[in-house]
Amino acid sequence: MRAVSSALPVAAVIIATMFSAERASAATVHYTSISVIGESIHITHPDDVRGEAGQITLKGVTGLGSTTSLVAWCLDVFDFLKNSGTFTGGGPLANTSNLIGGLMQEGNNAIALAHGGSLFLNGHFYTTKDISAATQVAIWSVEYGAAFSYSSVGSSASSSNFNSLVSYLEQHATPDVAYWTLNERGNQTLGTLDPVPGPIVGAGLPGLILAGTGLLGWWRRKRSVRVAA
């Protein structure tokens, strides 16, 4: 028996898919205070700024379910970090090193192992603050490349040993470790390994149309088989 031809089922499926699929919105993260483990630093390029280099903890966090604190690293030497604020979640930085997430991972792990004391790395003992500051310098180094330089860092390690630690961290960082960015106009851009949902890219109408086209092809094949029978 010949099947009755109708495009209605396909159209209905496409329309239902389009209206039932909700586009995820970026997370909004509020924080009320900060703390930093690290050392003072004088950055000379790509901006001339004095501040602190090291692991950042956002405290009093809301907007991420049961999470009340968030460990992060600086990805921006042009803006100072506000003591409190509201970030929007985003994806990793575009057109930059694939070692940034791996360096965050190396730093977080080493700081945890040092546990506020010191850790033997690359032939030397380094304090928790030295490890944290070196991790941050390594992140800036791979992010900005040759454009990044600094004149001094308040480390207890000698300059050569500190630079050696920065190189060690870069060499041992795992490529392509996933990380998320925290963004707010006028505030410092941060990176974190803790998942912070950002807006879905490329999940709008084109993707749904392609999905609908696939359904149409499947329905046509099924119909042609029935006709041939």
C-alpha atoms as a PDB file:
ATOM      1  CA  MET A   1       0.000   0.000   0.000  1.00  0.00           C
ATOM      2  CA  ARG A   2       1.351   3.466  -0.917  1.00  0.00           C
ATOM      3  CA  ALA A   3       1.890   5.747   2.052  1.00  0.00           C
ATOM      4  CA  VAL A   4       0.177   9.122   2.055  1.00  0.00           C
ATOM      5  CA  SER A   5       2.761  11.876   1.503  1.00  0.00           C
ATOM      6  CA  SER A   6       2.830  14.627   4.102  1.00  0.00           C
ATOM      7  CA  ALA A   7       5.528  17.065   5.307  1.00  0.00           C
ATOM      8  CA  LEU A   8       3.518  17.838   8.458  1.00  0.00           C
ATOM      9  CA  PRO A   9       5.305  15.369  10.795  1.00  0.00           C
ATOM     10  CA  VAL A  10       8.720  16.768   9.863  1.00  0.00           C
ATOM     11  CA  ALA A  11       7.630  20.395  10.197  1.00  0.00           C
ATOM     12  CA  ALA A  12       6.052  19.612  13.552  1.00  0.00           C
ATOM     13  CA  VAL A  13       9.239  17.974  14.813  1.00  0.00           C
ATOM     14  CA  ILE A  14      11.405  20.907  13.667  1.00  0.00           C
ATOM     15  CA  ILE A  15       9.104  23.500  15.215  1.00  0.00           C
ATOM     16  CA  ALA A  16       8.838  21.527  18.450  1.00  0.00           C
ATOM     17  CA  THR A  17      12.628  21.229  18.612  1.00  0.00           C
ATOM     18  CA  MET A  18      13.103  24.938  17.998  1.00  0.00           C
ATOM     19  CA  PHE A  19      10.721  26.016  20.732  1.00  0.00           C
ATOM     20  CA  SER A  20      11.500  23.354  23.321  1.00  0.00           C
ATOM     21  CA  ALA A  21      15.303  23.828  23.190  1.00  0.00           C
ATOM     22  CA  GLU A  22      16.156  26.695  25.511  1.00  0.00           C
ATOM     23  CA  ARG A  23      19.384  28.571  24.988  1.00  0.00           C
ATOM     24  CA  ALA A  24      21.454  28.354  28.191  1.00  0.00           C
ATOM     25  CA  SER A  25      22.299  31.684  29.779  1.00  0.00           C
ATOM     26  CA  ALA A  26      25.644  32.579  31.311  1.00  0.00           C
ATOM     27  CA  ALA A  27      26.057  32.217  35.071  1.00  0.00           C
ATOM     28  CA  THR A  28      26.116  35.391  37.147  1.00  0.00           C
ATOM     29  CA  VAL A  29      28.580  35.082  40.023  1.00  0.00           C
ATOM     30  CA  HIS A  30      28.493  37.499  42.946  1.00  0.00           C
ATOM     31  CA  TYR A  31      31.320  37.740  45.500  1.00  0.00           C
ATOM     32  CA  THR A  32      31.759  39.886  48.601  1.00  0.00           C
ATOM     33  CA  SER A  33      35.507  39.679  49.384  1.00  0.00           C
ATOM     34  CA  ILE A  34      38.827  38.305  48.120  1.00  0.00           C
ATOM     35  CA  SER A  35      42.069  36.825  49.415  1.00  0.00           C
ATOM     36  CA  VAL A  36      45.361  36.271  47.596  1.00  0.00           C
ATOM     37  CA  ILE A  37      48.258  33.879  48.177  1.00  0.00           C
ATOM     38  CA  GLY A  38      51.286  35.354  46.464  1.00  0.00           C
ATOM     39  CA  GLU A  39      53.966  37.996  46.280  1.00  0.00           C
ATOM     40  CA  SER A  40      54.210  41.639  45.244  1.00  0.00           C
ATOM     41  CA  ILE A  41      55.225  42.280  41.644  1.00  0.00           C
ATOM     42  CA  HIS A  42      56.121  45.185  39.372  1.00  0.00           C
ATOM     43  CA  ILE A  43      54.938  44.470  35.835  1.00  0.00           C
ATOM     44  CA  THR A  44      56.519  46.651  33.163  1.00  0.00           C
ATOM     45  CA  HIS A  45      54.793  45.354  30.006  1.00  0.00           C
ATOM     46  CA  PRO A  46      52.203  45.232  28.468  1.00  0.00           C
ATOM     47  CA  ASP A  47      51.197  47.649  31.236  1.00  0.00           C
ATOM     48  CA  ASP A  48      53.234  49.367  33.949  1.00  0.00           C
ATOM     49  CA  VAL A  49      51.549  48.285  37.158  1.00  0.00           C
ATOM     50  CA  ARG A  50      52.393  47.239  40.710  1.00  0.00           C
ATOM     51  CA  GLY A  51      50.269  44.678  42.476  1.00  0.00           C
ATOM     52  CA  GLU A  52      50.224  41.136  43.765  1.00  0.00           C
ATOM     53  CA  ALA A  53      50.768  37.941  41.809  1.00  0.00           C
ATOM     54  CA  GLY A  54      49.199  34.704  42.962  1.00  0.00           C
ATOM     55  CA  GLN A  55      46.186  32.489  43.453  1.00  0.00           C
ATOM     56  CA  ILE A  56      42.963  34.384  44.157  1.00  0.00           C
ATOM     57  CA  THR A  57      40.029  33.158  46.210  1.00  0.00           C
ATOM     58  CA  LEU A  58      36.649  34.833  45.755  1.00  0.00           C
ATOM     59  CA  LYS A  59      34.634  34.593  48.964  1.00  0.00           C
ATOM     60  CA  GLY A  60      30.948  35.012  49.767  1.00  0.00           C
ATOM     61  CA  VAL A  61      30.129  33.604  46.337  1.00  0.00           C
ATOM     62  CA  THR A  62      26.518  33.233  45.238  1.00  0.00           C
ATOM     63  CA  GLY A  63      25.080  32.154  41.915  1.00  0.00           C
ATOM     64  CA  LEU A  64      26.802  28.766  41.682  1.00  0.00           C
ATOM     65  CA  GLY A  65      24.535  26.624  43.816  1.00  0.00           C
ATOM     66  CA  SER A  66      26.229  25.423  47.005  1.00  0.00           C
ATOM     67  CA  THR A  67      29.610  26.922  46.010  1.00  0.00           C
ATOM     68  CA  THR A  68      30.543  29.756  48.402  1.00  0.00           C
ATOM     69  CA  SER A  69      34.174  30.315  47.357  1.00  0.00           C
ATOM     70  CA  LEU A  70      35.960  30.171  44.023  1.00  0.00           C
ATOM     71  CA  VAL A  71      39.678  29.727  43.303  1.00  0.00           C
ATOM     72  CA  ALA A  72      40.844  31.794  40.334  1.00  0.00           C
ATOM     73  CA  TRP A  73      43.858  33.333  38.579  1.00  0.00           C
ATOM     74  CA  CYS A  74      44.376  36.711  36.935  1.00  0.00           C
ATOM     75  CA  LEU A  75      44.142  36.903  33.132  1.00  0.00           C
ATOM     76  CA  ASP A  76      44.267  40.679  32.878  1.00  0.00           C
ATOM     77  CA  VAL A  77      47.123  43.041  33.806  1.00  0.00           C
ATOM     78  CA  PHE A  78      45.190  46.154  32.773  1.00  0.00           C
ATOM     79  CA  ASP A  79      42.492  46.190  35.464  1.00  0.00           C
ATOM     80  CA  PHE A  80      42.662  45.898  39.239  1.00  0.00           C
ATOM     81  CA  LEU A  81      40.522  43.292  40.987  1.00  0.00           C
ATOM     82  CA  LYS A  82      37.608  44.794  42.896  1.00  0.00           C
ATOM     83  CA  ASN A  83      37.072  43.739  46.504  1.00  0.00           C
ATOM     84  CA  SER A  84      33.512  42.754  45.604  1.00  0.00           C
ATOM     85  CA  GLY A  85      31.552  42.522  42.388  1.00  0.00           C
ATOM     86  CA  THR A  86      29.535  40.507  39.925  1.00  0.00           C
ATOM     87  CA  PHE A  87      31.094  38.363  37.205  1.00  0.00           C
ATOM     88  CA  THR A  88      29.553  36.750  34.148  1.00  0.00           C
ATOM     89  CA  GLY A  89      30.794  33.302  33.188  1.00  0.00           C
ATOM     90  CA  GLY A  90      32.489  32.802  29.839  1.00  0.00           C
ATOM     91  CA  GLY A  91      34.639  30.452  27.805  1.00  0.00           C
ATOM     92  CA  PRO A  92      38.442  30.371  27.626  1.00  0.00           C
ATOM     93  CA  LEU A  93      40.434  33.224  26.094  1.00  0.00           C
ATOM     94  CA  ALA A  94      40.594  33.151  22.318  1.00  0.00           C
ATOM     95  CA  ASN A  95      43.795  33.192  20.266  1.00  0.00           C
ATOM     96  CA  THR A  96      46.169  32.533  23.143  1.00  0.00           C
ATOM     97  CA  SER A  97      48.169  29.712  24.727  1.00  0.00           C
ATOM     98  CA  ASN A  98      46.604  26.298  25.365  1.00  0.00           C
ATOM     99  CA  LEU A  99      48.664  25.984  28.568  1.00  0.00           C
ATOM    100  CA  ILE A 100      46.664  28.447  30.679  1.00  0.00           C
ATOM    101  CA  GLY A 101      44.306  25.857  32.154  1.00  0.00           C
ATOM    102  CA  GLY A 102      47.181  23.433  32.709  1.00  0.00           C
ATOM    103  CA  LEU A 103      49.164  26.058  34.611  1.00  0.00           C
ATOM    104  CA  MET A 104      46.167  26.761  36.843  1.00  0.00           C
ATOM    105  CA  GLN A 105      46.023  23.020  37.517  1.00  0.00           C
ATOM    106  CA  GLU A 106      49.763  22.821  38.285  1.00  0.00           C
ATOM    107  CA  GLY A 107      49.570  25.789  40.619  1.00  0.00           C
ATOM    108  CA  ASN A 108      46.462  24.612  42.474  1.00  0.00           C
ATOM    109  CA  ASN A 109      47.969  21.148  43.011  1.00  0.00           C
ATOM    110  CA  ALA A 110      51.359  22.435  44.164  1.00  0.00           C
ATOM    111  CA  ILE A 111      49.802  24.962  46.562  1.00  0.00           C
ATOM    112  CA  ALA A 112      47.624  22.216  48.038  1.00  0.00           C
ATOM    113  CA  LEU A 113      50.668  19.960  48.508  1.00  0.00           C
ATOM    114  CA  ALA A 114      52.694  22.754  50.136  1.00  0.00           C
ATOM    115  CA  HIS A 115      49.768  23.274  52.540  1.00  0.00           C
ATOM    116  CA  GLY A 116      50.964  26.703  53.648  1.00  0.00           C
ATOM    117  CA  GLY A 117      54.548  25.549  54.087  1.00  0.00           C
ATOM    118  CA  SER A 118      57.132  24.703  51.456  1.00  0.00           C
ATOM    119  CA  LEU A 119      57.505  22.157  48.661  1.00  0.00           C
ATOM    120  CA  PHE A 120      60.570  20.657  46.999  1.00  0.00           C
ATOM    121  CA  LEU A 121      60.330  21.315  43.256  1.00  0.00           C
ATOM    122  CA  ASN A 122      62.936  21.247  40.524  1.00  0.00           C
ATOM    123  CA  GLY A 123      65.812  20.819  42.983  1.00  0.00           C
ATOM    124  CA  HIS A 124      64.796  23.571  45.424  1.00  0.00           C
ATOM    125  CA  PHE A 125      62.424  24.247  48.296  1.00  0.00           C
ATOM    126  CA  TYR A 126      59.810  26.898  47.519  1.00  0.00           C
ATOM    127  CA  THR A 127      57.283  28.497  49.851  1.00  0.00           C
ATOM    128  CA  THR A 128      53.584  28.405  49.095  1.00  0.00           C
ATOM    129  CA  LYS A 129      53.712  32.101  48.206  1.00  0.00           C
ATOM    130  CA  ASP A 130      56.628  31.551  45.811  1.00  0.00           C
ATOM    131  CA  ILE A 131      54.775  28.701  44.069  1.00  0.00           C
ATOM    132  CA  SER A 132      51.627  30.779  43.788  1.00  0.00           C
ATOM    133  CA  ALA A 133      53.425  33.853  42.443  1.00  0.00           C
ATOM    134  CA  ALA A 134      55.455  31.768  39.961  1.00  0.00           C
ATOM    135  CA  THR A 135      52.281  30.117  38.685  1.00  0.00           C
ATOM    136  CA  GLN A 136      50.681  33.500  38.087  1.00  0.00           C
ATOM    137  CA  VAL A 137      53.786  34.798  36.311  1.00  0.00           C
ATOM    138  CA  ALA A 138      53.822  31.654  34.151  1.00  0.00           C
ATOM    139  CA  ILE A 139      50.167  32.226  33.213  1.00  0.00           C
ATOM    140  CA  TRP A 140      50.866  35.821  32.190  1.00  0.00           C
ATOM    141  CA  SER A 141      53.991  34.721  30.314  1.00  0.00           C
ATOM    142  CA  VAL A 142      52.161  32.218  28.112  1.00  0.00           C
ATOM    143  CA  GLU A 143      49.116  34.475  27.747  1.00  0.00           C
ATOM    144  CA  TYR A 144      50.954  37.631  26.624  1.00  0.00           C
ATOM    145  CA  GLY A 145      54.075  35.974  25.191  1.00  0.00           C
ATOM    146  CA  ALA A 146      57.032  38.248  24.463  1.00  0.00           C
ATOM    147  CA  ALA A 147      54.909  41.304  25.331  1.00  0.00           C
ATOM    148  CA  PHE A 148      55.028  40.380  29.047  1.00  0.00           C
ATOM    149  CA  SER A 149      57.858  41.460  31.335  1.00  0.00           C
ATOM    150  CA  TYR A 150      58.362  42.387  34.977  1.00  0.00           C
ATOM    151  CA  SER A 151      61.215  44.073  36.848  1.00  0.00           C
ATOM    152  CA  SER A 152      60.830  42.590  40.316  1.00  0.00           C
ATOM    153  CA  VAL A 153      58.856  40.134  42.410  1.00  0.00           C
ATOM    154  CA  GLY A 154      58.893  39.926  46.198  1.00  0.00           C
ATOM    155  CA  SER A 155      59.904  36.271  46.376  1.00  0.00           C
ATOM    156  CA  SER A 156      61.960  34.662  49.133  1.00  0.00           C
ATOM    157  CA  ALA A 157      63.689  32.644  46.404  1.00  0.00           C
ATOM    158  CA  SER A 158      66.580  34.076  44.427  1.00  0.00           C
ATOM    159  CA  SER A 159      65.744  35.610  41.072  1.00  0.00           C
ATOM    160  CA  SER A 160      67.320  32.709  39.195  1.00  0.00           C
ATOM    161  CA  ASN A 161      65.505  30.089  41.279  1.00  0.00           C
ATOM    162  CA  PHE A 162      62.183  31.918  40.851  1.00  0.00           C
ATOM    163  CA  ASN A 163      62.637  32.097  37.079  1.00  0.00           C
ATOM    164  CA  SER A 164      63.599  28.433  37.091  1.00  0.00           C
ATOM    165  CA  LEU A 165      60.327  27.611  38.871  1.00  0.00           C
ATOM    166  CA  VAL A 166      58.327  29.602  36.299  1.00  0.00           C
ATOM    167  CA  SER A 167      59.983  27.626  33.498  1.00  0.00           C
ATOM    168  CA  TYR A 168      59.437  24.343  35.353  1.00  0.00           C
ATOM    169  CA  LEU A 169      55.707  25.039  35.684  1.00  0.00           C
ATOM    170  CA  GLU A 170      55.404  25.954  31.995  1.00  0.00           C
ATOM    171  CA  GLN A 171      57.202  22.764  30.955  1.00  0.00           C
ATOM    172  CA  HIS A 172      55.018  20.520  33.126  1.00  0.00           C
ATOM    173  CA  ALA A 173      51.652  22.137  32.390  1.00  0.00           C
ATOM    174  CA  THR A 174      49.184  19.864  30.601  1.00  0.00           C
ATOM    175  CA  PRO A 175      47.900  21.367  27.327  1.00  0.00           C
ATOM    176  CA  ASP A 176      44.208  22.006  26.692  1.00  0.00           C
ATOM    177  CA  VAL A 177      42.962  21.743  30.281  1.00  0.00           C
ATOM    178  CA  ALA A 178      39.450  23.233  30.326  1.00  0.00           C
ATOM    179  CA  TYR A 179      38.954  26.476  32.217  1.00  0.00           C
ATOM    180  CA  TRP A 180      36.337  29.208  32.425  1.00  0.00           C
ATOM    181  CA  THR A 181      36.616  32.993  32.524  1.00  0.00           C
ATOM    182  CA  LEU A 182      34.947  35.472  34.876  1.00  0.00           C
ATOM    183  CA  ASN A 183      34.160  38.787  33.229  1.00  0.00           C
ATOM    184  CA  GLU A 184      32.919  42.180  34.439  1.00  0.00           C
ATOM    185  CA  ARG A 185      33.347  45.580  32.820  1.00  0.00           C
ATOM    186  CA  GLY A 186      35.917  47.601  34.759  1.00  0.00           C
ATOM    187  CA  ASN A 187      36.998  44.592  36.796  1.00  0.00           C
ATOM    188  CA  GLN A 188      39.890  42.210  36.319  1.00  0.00           C
ATOM    189  CA  THR A 189      39.245  39.192  34.077  1.00  0.00           C
ATOM    190  CA  LEU A 190      39.863  35.953  35.956  1.00  0.00           C
ATOM    191  CA  GLY A 191      40.215  32.316  34.997  1.00  0.00           C
ATOM    192  CA  THR A 192      39.095  29.321  37.032  1.00  0.00           C
ATOM    193  CA  LEU A 193      39.024  25.543  36.761  1.00  0.00           C
ATOM    194  CA  ASP A 194      35.674  25.463  38.548  1.00  0.00           C
ATOM    195  CA  PRO A 195      32.860  25.163  35.964  1.00  0.00           C
ATOM    196  CA  VAL A 196      31.103  28.501  35.482  1.00  0.00           C
ATOM    197  CA  PRO A 197      28.440  28.145  32.768  1.00  0.00           C
ATOM    198  CA  GLY A 198      28.775  30.584  29.897  1.00  0.00           C
ATOM    199  CA  PRO A 199      26.523  31.283  26.915  1.00  0.00           C
ATOM    200  CA  ILE A 200      26.311  28.415  24.421  1.00  0.00           C
ATOM    201  CA  VAL A 201      28.020  29.329  21.148  1.00  0.00           C
ATOM    202  CA  GLY A 202      26.545  27.985  17.917  1.00  0.00           C
ATOM    203  CA  ALA A 203      23.554  26.286  19.530  1.00  0.00           C
ATOM    204  CA  GLY A 204      20.909  28.523  18.069  1.00  0.00           C
ATOM    205  CA  LEU A 205      18.804  28.303  14.920  1.00  0.00           C
ATOM    206  CA  PRO A 206      21.482  26.967  12.463  1.00  0.00           C
ATOM    207  CA  GLY A 207      22.072  23.906  14.641  1.00  0.00           C
ATOM    208  CA  LEU A 208      18.355  23.309  14.937  1.00  0.00           C
ATOM    209  CA  ILE A 209      17.880  23.665  11.201  1.00  0.00           C
ATOM    210  CA  LEU A 210      20.610  21.085  10.594  1.00  0.00           C
ATOM    211  CA  ALA A 211      18.948  18.765  13.078  1.00  0.00           C
ATOM    212  CA  GLY A 212      15.630  19.294  11.318  1.00  0.00           C
ATOM    213  CA  THR A 213      17.217  18.594   7.943  1.00  0.00           C
ATOM    214  CA  GLY A 214      18.550  15.306   9.275  1.00  0.00           C
ATOM    215  CA  LEU A 215      15.077  14.361  10.448  1.00  0.00           C
ATOM    216  CA  LEU A 216      13.680  15.273   7.039  1.00  0.00           C
ATOM    217  CA  GLY A 217      16.217  13.001   5.323  1.00  0.00           C
ATOM    218  CA  TRP A 218      15.383  10.167   7.678  1.00  0.00           C
ATOM    219  CA  TRP A 219      11.636  10.572   7.105  1.00  0.00           C
ATOM    220  CA  ARG A 220      12.118  10.675   3.313  1.00  0.00           C
ATOM    221  CA  ARG A 221      14.168   7.483   3.376  1.00  0.00           C
ATOM    222  CA  LYS A 222      11.569   5.776   5.487  1.00  0.00           C
ATOM    223  CA  ARG A 223       8.802   6.966   3.159  1.00  0.00           C
ATOM    224  CA  SER A 224      10.663   5.801   0.033  1.00  0.00           C
ATOM    225  CA  VAL A 225      11.053   2.348   1.539  1.00  0.00           C
ATOM    226  CA  ARG A 226       7.359   2.159   2.223  1.00  0.00           C
ATOM    227  CA  VAL A 227       6.562   3.265  -1.323  1.00  0.00           C
ATOM    228  CA  ALA A 228       8.864   0.610  -2.793  1.00  0.00           C
ATOM    229  CA  ALA A 229       7.158  -2.063  -0.691  1.00  0.00           C
END
